[in-house]
Amino acid sequence: MALALVIGASRGIGLELVRQYLADGWRVIATARSKEDVAMLAEMGAEAHKLDVTNLEAVAGMGWKLDGEELDVAILNAGVYGPRSDGFPMQADFDSVMHINVLSAMRLLPIIAPLVCAGRGKLAVMSSRMGSLSERQGSTGSLYRASKAALNSVLVDTAHQFGPQGATCVALHPGWVRTDMGGAGAALAVEESVRGLRKVLAELPASEQAVYRDYDGSPIGW
């Protein structure tokens, strides 16, 4: 049975990833911050774990909880947008966004990557086209942009270390999706975005170098 790990699965894209993988007969391990969301995921059929990605001990504990698993797909979905206003950033906002979007990846990816290597699988982070340096066309959401560019950098480093061992690393752009983050006016339903993301992961050829892909499979420049 194929095995997927979804970090940050309580709502939106993460929750829909769990739904779709379960519906296709996959075994799914999923995490959420609250006991209520963990219970919801368990009721759906996932193997659910409580995880706050800002908690160092909880992150370290995922290592032994996942010990011995061989992952076909691992997706680090946990993330926040941060303040909607641009300009002079407050330190609390900067610390929160960078801790959740970047530091958690620096801590979690080295734990997850060996399990992906064991399964010769795909290791994905939920990035954004807004994190691209070469395709950037605006400056709104500058703190979010900076965090996603940094997340991409962490993924590239992860690929240098674990790509030769069997992990194919990919930064994913889910599109503009109707979630709490994307808003009601976004272009894509979450179901459509996740179908695309799963197709990208399924069809992505093995690679020792990190790649950057839109939900429709088109490449994005770093």
Protein backbone atom coordinates (compact mmCIF):
# COMPACT_ATOMS: atom_id res chain seq x y z
CA MET A 1 0.00 0.00 0.00
CA ALA A 2 1.39 3.41 -1.00
CA LEU A 3 2.11 5.74 1.92
CA ALA A 4 1.73 9.53 2.09
CA LEU A 5 2.73 11.89 4.89
CA VAL A 6 0.97 15.27 5.11
CA ILE A 7 2.36 17.76 7.64
CA GLY A 8 -0.28 20.40 8.32
CA ALA A 9 -3.54 18.68 7.40
CA SER A 10 -6.24 20.32 9.49
CA ARG A 11 -7.86 22.36 6.72
CA GLY A 12 -7.64 23.63 3.15
CA ILE A 13 -5.11 22.01 0.86
CA GLY A 14 -3.66 19.73 3.53
CA LEU A 15 -7.04 18.32 4.50
CA GLU A 16 -7.98 17.77 0.86
CA LEU A 17 -4.69 15.97 0.22
CA VAL A 18 -5.60 13.57 3.02
CA ARG A 19 -9.12 13.08 1.62
CA GLN A 20 -7.96 12.35 -1.91
CA TYR A 21 -5.11 10.03 -0.99
CA LEU A 22 -7.37 8.05 1.35
CA ALA A 23 -10.06 7.85 -1.34
CA ASP A 24 -7.47 6.31 -3.70
CA GLY A 25 -6.60 3.62 -1.18
CA TRP A 26 -3.37 5.09 0.18
CA ARG A 27 -2.24 4.77 3.74
CA VAL A 28 -1.97 8.33 5.07
CA ILE A 29 -0.10 9.73 8.06
CA ALA A 30 -1.25 13.27 8.85
CA THR A 31 -0.52 15.93 11.46
CA ALA A 32 -2.48 18.79 12.99
CA ARG A 33 -1.96 21.18 15.88
CA SER A 34 -5.14 20.62 17.89
CA LYS A 35 -6.54 17.48 19.50
CA GLU A 36 -9.86 18.13 17.79
CA ASP A 37 -8.28 18.20 14.34
CA VAL A 38 -6.23 15.09 15.12
CA ALA A 39 -9.46 13.32 16.06
CA MET A 40 -11.11 14.49 12.83
CA LEU A 41 -8.23 13.13 10.73
CA ALA A 42 -8.35 9.84 12.59
CA GLU A 43 -12.07 9.53 11.93
CA MET A 44 -11.36 10.00 8.23
CA GLY A 45 -9.03 7.01 8.34
CA ALA A 46 -5.64 8.71 8.58
CA GLU A 47 -2.98 7.84 11.14
CA ALA A 48 -3.08 11.17 12.90
CA HIS A 49 -0.46 12.82 15.13
CA LYS A 50 -0.55 16.08 17.08
CA LEU A 51 2.23 18.37 15.88
CA ASP A 52 2.92 22.05 16.34
CA VAL A 53 5.74 22.78 13.89
CA THR A 54 6.95 25.64 16.10
CA ASN A 55 7.55 23.24 19.01
CA LEU A 56 11.09 21.88 18.91
CA GLU A 57 10.38 18.84 21.09
CA ALA A 58 7.29 17.93 19.07
CA VAL A 59 9.23 18.19 15.80
CA ALA A 60 12.03 16.01 17.16
CA GLY A 61 9.43 13.52 18.38
CA MET A 62 8.16 12.99 14.84
CA GLY A 63 11.41 11.18 14.15
CA TRP A 64 10.63 8.25 16.44
CA LYS A 65 6.92 8.28 15.56
CA LEU A 66 7.87 7.75 11.91
CA ASP A 67 10.78 5.40 12.56
CA GLY A 68 10.96 2.62 10.01
CA GLU A 69 8.42 4.08 7.56
CA GLU A 70 9.13 4.20 3.81
CA LEU A 71 7.35 7.20 2.32
CA ASP A 72 6.15 7.34 -1.27
CA VAL A 73 5.09 10.97 -0.85
CA ALA A 74 5.82 13.47 1.94
CA ILE A 75 4.31 16.95 1.81
CA LEU A 76 5.23 19.77 4.18
CA ASN A 77 2.08 21.87 3.94
CA ALA A 78 2.17 23.82 7.22
CA GLY A 79 2.48 27.56 6.59
CA VAL A 80 1.05 31.03 7.17
CA TYR A 81 0.72 34.18 5.09
CA GLY A 82 1.30 36.67 7.87
CA PRO A 83 0.26 40.33 7.81
CA ARG A 84 -1.69 41.50 4.77
CA SER A 85 -0.18 44.97 4.96
CA ASP A 86 3.22 45.71 3.45
CA GLY A 87 5.85 48.13 4.62
CA PHE A 88 7.84 48.25 7.85
CA PRO A 89 7.49 44.73 9.34
CA MET A 90 6.95 44.16 13.03
CA GLN A 91 9.43 41.75 14.57
CA ALA A 92 6.67 39.54 15.98
CA ASP A 93 5.18 39.11 12.50
CA PHE A 94 8.58 38.40 10.97
CA ASP A 95 9.46 35.88 13.66
CA SER A 96 6.13 34.08 13.35
CA VAL A 97 6.13 33.80 9.54
CA MET A 98 9.78 32.78 9.29
CA HIS A 99 9.53 30.31 12.15
CA ILE A 100 6.50 28.52 10.70
CA ASN A 101 7.41 28.73 7.00
CA VAL A 102 11.19 28.33 7.12
CA LEU A 103 12.61 27.17 10.45
CA SER A 104 10.12 24.32 10.67
CA ALA A 105 11.28 23.10 7.25
CA MET A 106 14.92 23.30 8.30
CA ARG A 107 14.06 21.05 11.24
CA LEU A 108 11.54 18.69 9.63
CA LEU A 109 13.03 18.00 6.21
CA PRO A 110 16.18 16.28 7.56
CA ILE A 111 13.89 14.03 9.63
CA ILE A 112 11.51 13.20 6.78
CA ALA A 113 13.97 12.99 3.88
CA PRO A 114 15.63 9.68 4.89
CA LEU A 115 12.19 8.06 5.02
CA VAL A 116 11.49 9.35 1.51
CA CYS A 117 14.86 8.01 0.38
CA ALA A 118 13.91 4.61 1.77
CA GLY A 119 10.78 4.65 -0.36
CA ARG A 120 12.48 6.25 -3.39
CA GLY A 121 9.67 8.80 -3.13
CA LYS A 122 8.80 12.47 -3.57
CA LEU A 123 9.52 15.12 -0.94
CA ALA A 124 7.41 18.25 -1.46
CA VAL A 125 7.08 21.61 0.24
CA MET A 126 4.04 23.80 -0.32
CA SER A 127 5.71 26.87 -1.72
CA SER A 128 4.21 29.57 -3.94
CA ARG A 129 4.97 31.31 -7.21
CA MET A 130 5.31 34.38 -4.98
CA GLY A 131 8.58 32.90 -3.76
CA SER A 132 10.15 32.93 -7.22
CA LEU A 133 12.94 35.46 -7.69
CA SER A 134 13.16 35.16 -11.48
CA GLU A 135 9.41 35.38 -12.20
CA ARG A 136 8.42 38.00 -9.66
CA GLN A 137 6.11 40.68 -11.05
CA GLY A 138 5.05 42.50 -7.91
CA SER A 139 6.03 43.32 -4.36
CA THR A 140 2.84 42.75 -2.37
CA GLY A 141 3.08 40.24 0.43
CA SER A 142 6.80 40.90 0.78
CA LEU A 143 7.20 38.98 4.05
CA TYR A 144 5.36 35.96 2.66
CA ARG A 145 7.44 36.18 -0.53
CA ALA A 146 10.66 36.27 1.48
CA SER A 147 9.60 33.26 3.53
CA LYS A 148 8.73 31.17 0.46
CA ALA A 149 11.99 32.12 -1.27
CA ALA A 150 13.82 30.99 1.88
CA LEU A 151 11.75 27.80 1.98
CA ASN A 152 12.77 27.07 -1.61
CA SER A 153 16.40 27.56 -0.61
CA VAL A 154 16.01 25.04 2.21
CA LEU A 155 14.51 22.54 -0.25
CA VAL A 156 17.37 22.99 -2.71
CA ASP A 157 19.86 22.30 0.08
CA THR A 158 17.84 19.24 1.08
CA ALA A 159 18.00 17.95 -2.49
CA HIS A 160 21.78 18.35 -2.55
CA GLN A 161 22.01 16.15 0.55
CA PHE A 162 19.25 13.60 -0.06
CA GLY A 163 18.64 13.65 -3.82
CA PRO A 164 21.55 11.28 -4.57
CA GLN A 165 20.11 8.91 -1.95
CA GLY A 166 16.73 8.63 -3.67
CA ALA A 167 14.55 11.58 -2.62
CA THR A 168 13.04 13.65 -5.45
CA CYS A 169 12.50 17.15 -4.01
CA VAL A 170 9.87 19.54 -5.38
CA ALA A 171 8.57 22.98 -4.44
CA LEU A 172 4.88 23.17 -5.33
CA HIS A 173 2.73 26.18 -6.23
CA PRO A 174 -0.92 25.23 -5.56
CA GLY A 175 -2.37 28.09 -7.57
CA TRP A 176 -4.69 30.76 -6.18
CA VAL A 177 -7.03 28.54 -4.17
CA ARG A 178 -10.29 29.22 -2.34
CA THR A 179 -9.03 28.53 1.17
CA ASP A 180 -8.81 30.66 4.31
CA MET A 181 -5.51 31.99 2.97
CA GLY A 182 -6.56 32.43 -0.66
CA GLY A 183 -9.97 33.90 0.07
CA ALA A 184 -13.41 33.38 -1.43
CA GLY A 185 -12.53 35.18 -4.66
CA ALA A 186 -9.65 32.86 -5.60
CA ALA A 187 -9.63 31.17 -8.98
CA LEU A 188 -9.40 27.50 -7.98
CA ALA A 189 -11.46 25.13 -5.88
CA VAL A 190 -9.29 23.26 -3.41
CA GLU A 191 -10.32 19.94 -4.99
CA GLU A 192 -9.00 21.02 -8.39
CA SER A 193 -5.72 22.32 -6.98
CA VAL A 194 -5.08 19.10 -5.05
CA ARG A 195 -5.91 16.90 -8.03
CA GLY A 196 -3.28 18.83 -9.97
CA LEU A 197 -0.71 18.66 -7.20
CA ARG A 198 -1.16 14.92 -6.86
CA LYS A 199 -0.81 14.47 -10.61
CA VAL A 200 2.42 16.47 -10.57
CA LEU A 201 3.81 14.29 -7.79
CA ALA A 202 2.72 11.07 -9.47
CA GLU A 203 4.25 11.98 -12.84
CA LEU A 204 7.41 13.74 -11.64
CA PRO A 205 10.47 11.81 -12.80
CA ALA A 206 13.19 10.95 -10.33
CA SER A 207 15.70 13.77 -9.95
CA GLU A 208 18.70 14.45 -7.77
CA GLN A 209 18.10 18.20 -8.15
CA ALA A 210 15.16 20.10 -6.71
CA VAL A 211 12.44 21.22 -9.11
CA TYR A 212 9.76 23.94 -8.87
CA ARG A 213 6.33 23.18 -10.33
CA ASP A 214 2.91 24.79 -10.68
CA TYR A 215 -0.14 22.68 -9.82
CA ASP A 216 -0.69 22.13 -13.56
CA GLY A 217 2.82 20.71 -13.96
CA SER A 218 4.43 23.70 -15.64
CA PRO A 219 7.93 24.61 -14.39
CA ILE A 220 8.56 27.78 -12.38
CA GLY A 221 11.88 29.58 -12.35
CA TRP A 222 13.69 29.81 -9.04
